[in-house]
Amino acid sequence: MISGGFARGGLNKPSQKRHLKELYQVKNDEPDLLTISFTKEDRQGITPEHDDPVVITMILVNAHLHRTLVDQGSSADILFKLAFDKLGLEEKELKAYPDTLFGLGDAPIKPLGFIFLYTTFGRGLKSKTLSIEFIVVDITSAYNALISRTTLNWLGAVVSTPHLCMKFSTEEKIATIRGNQKLARKCYNENLNIRGKGKEVNVVEF
């Protein structure tokens, strides 16, 4: 679980205080959310009785970014440096990120900065595009990016790990993004190898 990011309401204390104040305000208006459910059809092609993470593909900078981990426990959206470079982005585009991240390894991580990137989940009419604040870190990982609970909440997404998919509402009703179980297991094994041998295995596929 990664701690840090923009979940507290921003980087400066005034915005964080406003966010905290809003949390304690009682609001009577409830959002009109569609009912989202999962069925046995959503588990088709999935090996049963697994404990694999949800690893999806999203569209980032007009590229299909595979190896994206849906991390419901983390508060920061992460883009790893190798993927950042392969997407054709430059460090001069980054904004300063003054805080430290915890949970990406044995020691605290000082990010290179953060960047707003348009990110699309889903396809065609059943899709949503958000401008996400990705924090860029220069460490080795089997993943290209991590999507946090902050973005999942903004997206209105519901994640089912037994079904290895997530769903969210769009103007065309419910969109479904399925995880890649084979790739999820590959990433997990590669992360184990990285911890033991320091291999660099990030891949951006277009």
C-alpha atoms as a PDB file:
ATOM      1  CA  MET A   1       0.000   0.000   0.000  1.00  0.00           C
ATOM      2  CA  ILE A   2       1.422   3.353  -1.079  1.00  0.00           C
ATOM      3  CA  SER A   3       0.877   6.329   1.215  1.00  0.00           C
ATOM      4  CA  GLY A   4       1.092   9.865  -0.134  1.00  0.00           C
ATOM      5  CA  GLY A   5      -0.174  11.564  -3.247  1.00  0.00           C
ATOM      6  CA  PHE A   6      -3.111  13.926  -3.529  1.00  0.00           C
ATOM      7  CA  ALA A   7      -5.737  12.010  -1.531  1.00  0.00           C
ATOM      8  CA  ARG A   8      -5.552  14.474   1.387  1.00  0.00           C
ATOM      9  CA  GLY A   9      -6.784  17.352  -0.778  1.00  0.00           C
ATOM     10  CA  GLY A  10      -3.557  18.656  -2.298  1.00  0.00           C
ATOM     11  CA  LEU A  11       0.055  19.393  -1.484  1.00  0.00           C
ATOM     12  CA  ASN A  12      -0.295  22.560   0.574  1.00  0.00           C
ATOM     13  CA  LYS A  13      -1.741  22.830   4.073  1.00  0.00           C
ATOM     14  CA  PRO A  14      -4.615  25.251   3.241  1.00  0.00           C
ATOM     15  CA  SER A  15      -6.074  22.884   0.628  1.00  0.00           C
ATOM     16  CA  GLN A  16      -5.635  19.937   2.995  1.00  0.00           C
ATOM     17  CA  LYS A  17      -7.473  21.812   5.753  1.00  0.00           C
ATOM     18  CA  ARG A  18     -10.340  22.636   3.376  1.00  0.00           C
ATOM     19  CA  HIS A  19     -10.524  18.998   2.360  1.00  0.00           C
ATOM     20  CA  LEU A  20     -10.611  17.879   5.987  1.00  0.00           C
ATOM     21  CA  LYS A  21     -13.340  20.407   6.775  1.00  0.00           C
ATOM     22  CA  GLU A  22     -15.446  19.128   3.872  1.00  0.00           C
ATOM     23  CA  LEU A  23     -15.130  15.585   5.162  1.00  0.00           C
ATOM     24  CA  TYR A  24     -16.790  16.547   8.430  1.00  0.00           C
ATOM     25  CA  GLN A  25     -19.650  18.433   6.799  1.00  0.00           C
ATOM     26  CA  VAL A  26     -22.901  16.467   6.639  1.00  0.00           C
ATOM     27  CA  LYS A  27     -24.363  16.431   3.134  1.00  0.00           C
ATOM     28  CA  ASN A  28     -27.926  15.331   2.461  1.00  0.00           C
ATOM     29  CA  ASP A  29     -27.616  15.062  -1.309  1.00  0.00           C
ATOM     30  CA  GLU A  30     -26.716  11.560  -2.447  1.00  0.00           C
ATOM     31  CA  PRO A  31     -25.220  10.925  -5.907  1.00  0.00           C
ATOM     32  CA  ASP A  32     -27.432   9.093  -8.369  1.00  0.00           C
ATOM     33  CA  LEU A  33     -25.355   5.956  -8.913  1.00  0.00           C
ATOM     34  CA  LEU A  34     -26.293   3.047 -11.120  1.00  0.00           C
ATOM     35  CA  THR A  35     -26.345  -0.408  -9.579  1.00  0.00           C
ATOM     36  CA  ILE A  36     -23.204  -2.333 -10.445  1.00  0.00           C
ATOM     37  CA  SER A  37     -23.139  -6.101 -10.065  1.00  0.00           C
ATOM     38  CA  PHE A  38     -20.934  -9.025 -11.061  1.00  0.00           C
ATOM     39  CA  THR A  39     -22.149 -12.354 -12.404  1.00  0.00           C
ATOM     40  CA  LYS A  40     -20.670 -15.734 -13.234  1.00  0.00           C
ATOM     41  CA  GLU A  41     -20.292 -14.548 -16.840  1.00  0.00           C
ATOM     42  CA  ASP A  42     -17.715 -12.028 -15.602  1.00  0.00           C
ATOM     43  CA  ARG A  43     -15.557 -14.932 -14.410  1.00  0.00           C
ATOM     44  CA  GLN A  44     -15.397 -16.663 -17.773  1.00  0.00           C
ATOM     45  CA  GLY A  45     -11.813 -17.483 -18.697  1.00  0.00           C
ATOM     46  CA  ILE A  46     -10.581 -16.878 -15.138  1.00  0.00           C
ATOM     47  CA  THR A  47      -8.834 -19.649 -13.231  1.00  0.00           C
ATOM     48  CA  PRO A  48     -10.956 -20.162 -10.102  1.00  0.00           C
ATOM     49  CA  GLU A  49      -9.748 -19.910  -6.504  1.00  0.00           C
ATOM     50  CA  HIS A  50      -6.992 -17.468  -7.381  1.00  0.00           C
ATOM     51  CA  ASP A  51      -5.471 -14.545  -5.496  1.00  0.00           C
ATOM     52  CA  ASP A  52      -4.180 -12.582  -8.491  1.00  0.00           C
ATOM     53  CA  PRO A  53      -4.255  -8.771  -8.633  1.00  0.00           C
ATOM     54  CA  VAL A  54      -6.269  -6.803 -11.186  1.00  0.00           C
ATOM     55  CA  VAL A  55      -3.877  -5.770 -13.984  1.00  0.00           C
ATOM     56  CA  ILE A  56      -5.481  -3.805 -16.817  1.00  0.00           C
ATOM     57  CA  THR A  57      -4.718  -1.822 -19.951  1.00  0.00           C
ATOM     58  CA  MET A  58      -5.566   1.880 -20.147  1.00  0.00           C
ATOM     59  CA  ILE A  59      -4.929   4.568 -22.761  1.00  0.00           C
ATOM     60  CA  LEU A  60      -2.285   7.078 -21.715  1.00  0.00           C
ATOM     61  CA  VAL A  61      -0.738   9.685 -24.036  1.00  0.00           C
ATOM     62  CA  ASN A  62      -2.493   7.962 -26.967  1.00  0.00           C
ATOM     63  CA  ALA A  63      -0.781   4.659 -26.134  1.00  0.00           C
ATOM     64  CA  HIS A  64      -2.223   1.439 -24.768  1.00  0.00           C
ATOM     65  CA  LEU A  65      -0.399   1.115 -21.470  1.00  0.00           C
ATOM     66  CA  HIS A  66      -0.378  -2.499 -20.351  1.00  0.00           C
ATOM     67  CA  ARG A  67       0.850  -3.706 -16.948  1.00  0.00           C
ATOM     68  CA  THR A  68      -1.302  -1.184 -15.065  1.00  0.00           C
ATOM     69  CA  LEU A  69      -2.001  -2.372 -11.529  1.00  0.00           C
ATOM     70  CA  VAL A  70      -5.338  -1.448  -9.941  1.00  0.00           C
ATOM     71  CA  ASP A  71      -4.203  -0.798  -6.367  1.00  0.00           C
ATOM     72  CA  GLN A  72      -7.234  -0.209  -4.149  1.00  0.00           C
ATOM     73  CA  GLY A  73      -5.110   0.254  -1.032  1.00  0.00           C
ATOM     74  CA  SER A  74      -2.914   3.059  -2.312  1.00  0.00           C
ATOM     75  CA  SER A  75      -3.561   6.787  -2.271  1.00  0.00           C
ATOM     76  CA  ALA A  76      -1.168   7.787  -5.073  1.00  0.00           C
ATOM     77  CA  ASP A  77      -1.299   7.244  -8.834  1.00  0.00           C
ATOM     78  CA  ILE A  78       2.171   6.155  -9.918  1.00  0.00           C
ATOM     79  CA  LEU A  79       3.919   6.193 -13.296  1.00  0.00           C
ATOM     80  CA  PHE A  80       7.283   4.463 -13.326  1.00  0.00           C
ATOM     81  CA  LYS A  81      10.189   6.269 -14.979  1.00  0.00           C
ATOM     82  CA  LEU A  82      10.901   3.661 -17.654  1.00  0.00           C
ATOM     83  CA  ALA A  83       7.298   3.831 -18.855  1.00  0.00           C
ATOM     84  CA  PHE A  84       7.429   7.646 -18.609  1.00  0.00           C
ATOM     85  CA  ASP A  85      10.446   7.678 -20.949  1.00  0.00           C
ATOM     86  CA  LYS A  86       8.983   5.201 -23.427  1.00  0.00           C
ATOM     87  CA  LEU A  87       5.824   7.293 -23.684  1.00  0.00           C
ATOM     88  CA  GLY A  88       8.021  10.106 -25.033  1.00  0.00           C
ATOM     89  CA  LEU A  89       7.617  12.357 -21.991  1.00  0.00           C
ATOM     90  CA  GLU A  90      10.412  14.550 -20.636  1.00  0.00           C
ATOM     91  CA  GLU A  91      11.420  15.425 -17.090  1.00  0.00           C
ATOM     92  CA  LYS A  92      11.112  19.143 -17.847  1.00  0.00           C
ATOM     93  CA  GLU A  93       7.344  18.589 -18.054  1.00  0.00           C
ATOM     94  CA  LEU A  94       7.220  17.476 -14.424  1.00  0.00           C
ATOM     95  CA  LYS A  95       6.019  19.667 -11.591  1.00  0.00           C
ATOM     96  CA  ALA A  96       7.772  19.566  -8.239  1.00  0.00           C
ATOM     97  CA  TYR A  97       6.425  17.083  -5.717  1.00  0.00           C
ATOM     98  CA  PRO A  98       7.730  18.068  -2.272  1.00  0.00           C
ATOM     99  CA  ASP A  99       6.571  15.067  -0.256  1.00  0.00           C
ATOM    100  CA  THR A 100       7.902  11.544   0.157  1.00  0.00           C
ATOM    101  CA  LEU A 101       6.136   8.317  -0.786  1.00  0.00           C
ATOM    102  CA  PHE A 102       6.021   5.280   1.449  1.00  0.00           C
ATOM    103  CA  GLY A 103       5.235   1.690   0.535  1.00  0.00           C
ATOM    104  CA  LEU A 104       7.110   1.283  -2.756  1.00  0.00           C
ATOM    105  CA  GLY A 105      10.004  -0.514  -1.148  1.00  0.00           C
ATOM    106  CA  ASP A 106      11.964  -0.853   2.046  1.00  0.00           C
ATOM    107  CA  ALA A 107      12.868   2.850   2.116  1.00  0.00           C
ATOM    108  CA  PRO A 108      10.915   6.087   1.522  1.00  0.00           C
ATOM    109  CA  ILE A 109      10.939   7.243  -2.111  1.00  0.00           C
ATOM    110  CA  LYS A 110      11.573  10.787  -3.311  1.00  0.00           C
ATOM    111  CA  PRO A 111       9.565  11.217  -6.553  1.00  0.00           C
ATOM    112  CA  LEU A 112      10.953  12.966  -9.620  1.00  0.00           C
ATOM    113  CA  GLY A 113       7.771  15.062  -9.755  1.00  0.00           C
ATOM    114  CA  PHE A 114       4.209  14.800 -10.985  1.00  0.00           C
ATOM    115  CA  ILE A 115       2.391  15.379 -14.254  1.00  0.00           C
ATOM    116  CA  PHE A 116      -1.229  15.725 -15.393  1.00  0.00           C
ATOM    117  CA  LEU A 117      -2.041  13.169 -18.090  1.00  0.00           C
ATOM    118  CA  TYR A 118      -5.315  12.426 -19.843  1.00  0.00           C
ATOM    119  CA  THR A 119      -6.153   8.815 -19.147  1.00  0.00           C
ATOM    120  CA  THR A 120      -8.927   6.799 -20.783  1.00  0.00           C
ATOM    121  CA  PHE A 121     -10.556   3.754 -19.235  1.00  0.00           C
ATOM    122  CA  GLY A 122     -12.717   1.549 -21.440  1.00  0.00           C
ATOM    123  CA  ARG A 123     -13.426   1.740 -25.155  1.00  0.00           C
ATOM    124  CA  GLY A 124     -15.617   3.753 -27.470  1.00  0.00           C
ATOM    125  CA  LEU A 125     -18.872   5.003 -26.007  1.00  0.00           C
ATOM    126  CA  LYS A 126     -18.340   2.930 -22.866  1.00  0.00           C
ATOM    127  CA  SER A 127     -15.314   4.864 -21.672  1.00  0.00           C
ATOM    128  CA  LYS A 128     -14.280   7.734 -19.439  1.00  0.00           C
ATOM    129  CA  THR A 129     -11.314  10.070 -19.755  1.00  0.00           C
ATOM    130  CA  LEU A 130      -9.826  11.717 -16.671  1.00  0.00           C
ATOM    131  CA  SER A 131      -6.920  14.102 -16.147  1.00  0.00           C
ATOM    132  CA  ILE A 132      -4.893  12.246 -13.539  1.00  0.00           C
ATOM    133  CA  GLU A 133      -1.987  13.564 -11.469  1.00  0.00           C
ATOM    134  CA  PHE A 134       0.625  10.845 -11.909  1.00  0.00           C
ATOM    135  CA  ILE A 135       3.585  10.862  -9.558  1.00  0.00           C
ATOM    136  CA  VAL A 136       6.714   9.725 -11.397  1.00  0.00           C
ATOM    137  CA  VAL A 137       9.210   7.545  -9.540  1.00  0.00           C
ATOM    138  CA  ASP A 138      12.545   6.196 -10.726  1.00  0.00           C
ATOM    139  CA  ILE A 139      12.514   2.678  -9.333  1.00  0.00           C
ATOM    140  CA  THR A 140      12.326  -0.718 -10.989  1.00  0.00           C
ATOM    141  CA  SER A 141       8.957  -2.433 -11.147  1.00  0.00           C
ATOM    142  CA  ALA A 142       7.239  -5.078 -13.238  1.00  0.00           C
ATOM    143  CA  TYR A 143       4.348  -2.628 -13.628  1.00  0.00           C
ATOM    144  CA  ASN A 144       4.209   0.463 -15.799  1.00  0.00           C
ATOM    145  CA  ALA A 145       1.712   2.327 -13.633  1.00  0.00           C
ATOM    146  CA  LEU A 146      -0.427   2.015 -10.517  1.00  0.00           C
ATOM    147  CA  ILE A 147      -3.996   3.333 -10.301  1.00  0.00           C
ATOM    148  CA  SER A 148      -5.025   4.328  -6.785  1.00  0.00           C
ATOM    149  CA  ARG A 149      -8.298   4.359  -4.861  1.00  0.00           C
ATOM    150  CA  THR A 150      -8.402   8.137  -5.412  1.00  0.00           C
ATOM    151  CA  THR A 151      -8.837   7.661  -9.156  1.00  0.00           C
ATOM    152  CA  LEU A 152     -11.116   4.653  -8.700  1.00  0.00           C
ATOM    153  CA  ASN A 153     -13.435   6.808  -6.573  1.00  0.00           C
ATOM    154  CA  TRP A 154     -13.325   9.631  -9.112  1.00  0.00           C
ATOM    155  CA  LEU A 155     -14.069   7.130 -11.881  1.00  0.00           C
ATOM    156  CA  GLY A 156     -16.894   5.657  -9.819  1.00  0.00           C
ATOM    157  CA  ALA A 157     -15.391   2.224 -10.327  1.00  0.00           C
ATOM    158  CA  VAL A 158     -16.206  -0.952  -8.446  1.00  0.00           C
ATOM    159  CA  VAL A 159     -13.466  -3.588  -8.486  1.00  0.00           C
ATOM    160  CA  SER A 160     -14.016  -7.318  -8.041  1.00  0.00           C
ATOM    161  CA  THR A 161     -10.822  -9.281  -7.472  1.00  0.00           C
ATOM    162  CA  PRO A 162     -12.556 -12.700  -7.763  1.00  0.00           C
ATOM    163  CA  HIS A 163     -13.760 -11.642 -11.231  1.00  0.00           C
ATOM    164  CA  LEU A 164     -10.507  -9.799 -12.067  1.00  0.00           C
ATOM    165  CA  CYS A 165     -12.388  -6.866 -13.507  1.00  0.00           C
ATOM    166  CA  MET A 166     -13.753  -3.453 -12.660  1.00  0.00           C
ATOM    167  CA  LYS A 167     -16.939  -1.705 -13.726  1.00  0.00           C
ATOM    168  CA  PHE A 168     -18.082   1.916 -13.807  1.00  0.00           C
ATOM    169  CA  SER A 169     -21.060   3.821 -15.155  1.00  0.00           C
ATOM    170  CA  THR A 170     -20.952   5.860 -18.369  1.00  0.00           C
ATOM    171  CA  GLU A 171     -23.526   7.617 -20.530  1.00  0.00           C
ATOM    172  CA  GLU A 172     -23.873   4.255 -22.282  1.00  0.00           C
ATOM    173  CA  LYS A 173     -24.613   2.425 -19.023  1.00  0.00           C
ATOM    174  CA  ILE A 174     -22.014   0.131 -17.405  1.00  0.00           C
ATOM    175  CA  ALA A 175     -18.491  -0.286 -18.767  1.00  0.00           C
ATOM    176  CA  THR A 176     -16.389  -3.331 -17.903  1.00  0.00           C
ATOM    177  CA  ILE A 177     -12.593  -3.511 -17.943  1.00  0.00           C
ATOM    178  CA  ARG A 178     -11.218  -7.006 -17.584  1.00  0.00           C
ATOM    179  CA  GLY A 179      -7.893  -7.775 -16.010  1.00  0.00           C
ATOM    180  CA  ASN A 180      -5.306  -9.976 -17.677  1.00  0.00           C
ATOM    181  CA  GLN A 181      -4.750 -12.929 -15.344  1.00  0.00           C
ATOM    182  CA  LYS A 182      -1.778 -14.314 -17.257  1.00  0.00           C
ATOM    183  CA  LEU A 183      -0.025 -10.931 -17.253  1.00  0.00           C
ATOM    184  CA  ALA A 184      -0.898 -10.381 -13.587  1.00  0.00           C
ATOM    185  CA  ARG A 185       0.901 -13.586 -12.638  1.00  0.00           C
ATOM    186  CA  LYS A 186       3.846 -12.700 -14.867  1.00  0.00           C
ATOM    187  CA  CYS A 187       4.192  -9.284 -13.229  1.00  0.00           C
ATOM    188  CA  TYR A 188       4.015 -10.828  -9.769  1.00  0.00           C
ATOM    189  CA  ASN A 189       6.789 -13.297 -10.575  1.00  0.00           C
ATOM    190  CA  GLU A 190       8.919 -10.587 -12.179  1.00  0.00           C
ATOM    191  CA  ASN A 191       8.560  -8.413  -9.092  1.00  0.00           C
ATOM    192  CA  LEU A 192       9.870 -11.301  -7.005  1.00  0.00           C
ATOM    193  CA  ASN A 193      12.850 -11.571  -9.368  1.00  0.00           C
ATOM    194  CA  ILE A 194      13.442  -7.816  -9.176  1.00  0.00           C
ATOM    195  CA  ARG A 195      13.657  -7.941  -5.383  1.00  0.00           C
ATOM    196  CA  GLY A 196      16.143 -10.760  -5.621  1.00  0.00           C
ATOM    197  CA  LYS A 197      18.175  -9.857  -8.695  1.00  0.00           C
ATOM    198  CA  GLY A 198      17.436  -6.218  -9.604  1.00  0.00           C
ATOM    199  CA  LYS A 199      16.194  -6.922 -13.146  1.00  0.00           C
ATOM    200  CA  GLU A 200      14.555  -4.165 -15.176  1.00  0.00           C
ATOM    201  CA  VAL A 201      11.504  -5.504 -16.955  1.00  0.00           C
ATOM    202  CA  ASN A 202       9.091  -2.606 -17.623  1.00  0.00           C
ATOM    203  CA  VAL A 203       7.461  -2.779 -21.049  1.00  0.00           C
ATOM    204  CA  VAL A 204       5.239  -0.263 -22.818  1.00  0.00           C
ATOM    205  CA  GLU A 205       3.287  -1.861 -25.660  1.00  0.00           C
ATOM    206  CA  PHE A 206       1.600   0.319 -28.307  1.00  0.00           C
END
